[in-house]
Amino acid sequence: MRFQDKVAMVTGAGGGLGNCVARRLAGEGALLGLTDLAGDTLAATAEEVRRVGGRCVQQVGDAADERTIGDLVAATVAAFGRIDVLCNIAGISPPIPIADMTRASFDRLMHTNCYAQLLAIQRIVPVMVATAGGGAIVNVSSVGALVALPRLTGYGASKAAVIGLTRGVAYEYAEQNIRCNAICPGGIETPMATEVVESFDDREAALERLTGRQLEKRFADPEEVASLIAYLASDEASFMNGAVVPVDGGHTAW
């Protein structure tokens, strides 16, 4: 029960990874504030959280929208009195070849994958300091920020920005007892990864291109990645700050 009496906010909580993180934190005692753009999947996550004995508040909306984040922060503090943890999971990965990238599509990637994380951090850090005396932030970047992936150059650029954001936040807020770390997952068995694979004419060839360099020749189960997020958010990782941790099946090992 690493999160007993602690309060965590999770963006992208309706997605495959966000759902796993929410259930994992609730199962270890956390009280939760959840948001996602998709109301149906967010409601499903909230129901699963309650099924494992957890409590949560939820807010449907875009994680890059100030009102969504502001309302969720207010609702979470009203319900539970504090915020100790932020898990920035909301993101998109539309497969777009470089030649087809437009300013609008690139801006959307940066807005959703990086600005949304900055916005949540800006809104939550003062609340963390005031209500909990500090806290832990875990940002989701990607192995695509470290190596090239087919049709995901814009995505990789947005996730590389997350790494810079993470290190800057860790540096600026260390004296306020805020830790900020990032993870760089490889492919995860989620609907988002399925969209990328199905954008190729040959699914098997696509899987080979995406996992061929990995030592583990498969996509991760979301639970495998959620366990790392939970660790970094917990007091067990108290000496980790500004770290960028690959969880990529060995993609960056050689």
Foldseek 3Di string as FASTA:
>chain_A
DLQALAEEEEEPCLWQLNLLLLLVNLLVHYAYQYEYQDPVSRVVSQVSSVVSPYHYHYFHDQLLDLVRLLVSVVVRCVVRVAHAEYEYDFAAFAQAAPVRDDPVNLVVRLSRQPNSLVSNCVNRQVRRCVRPQEHEYEHEAACLLVDPAHSRVSSNVSSVVNLVVQLVCLVVCVVSHYAGEYEHEAAEPIVRSVNVLVVDPDNVVNLCRRQVQAPPSDHHYSNVVSVVVVCRRGCVVSVDHSYYHYPYNRNPVD
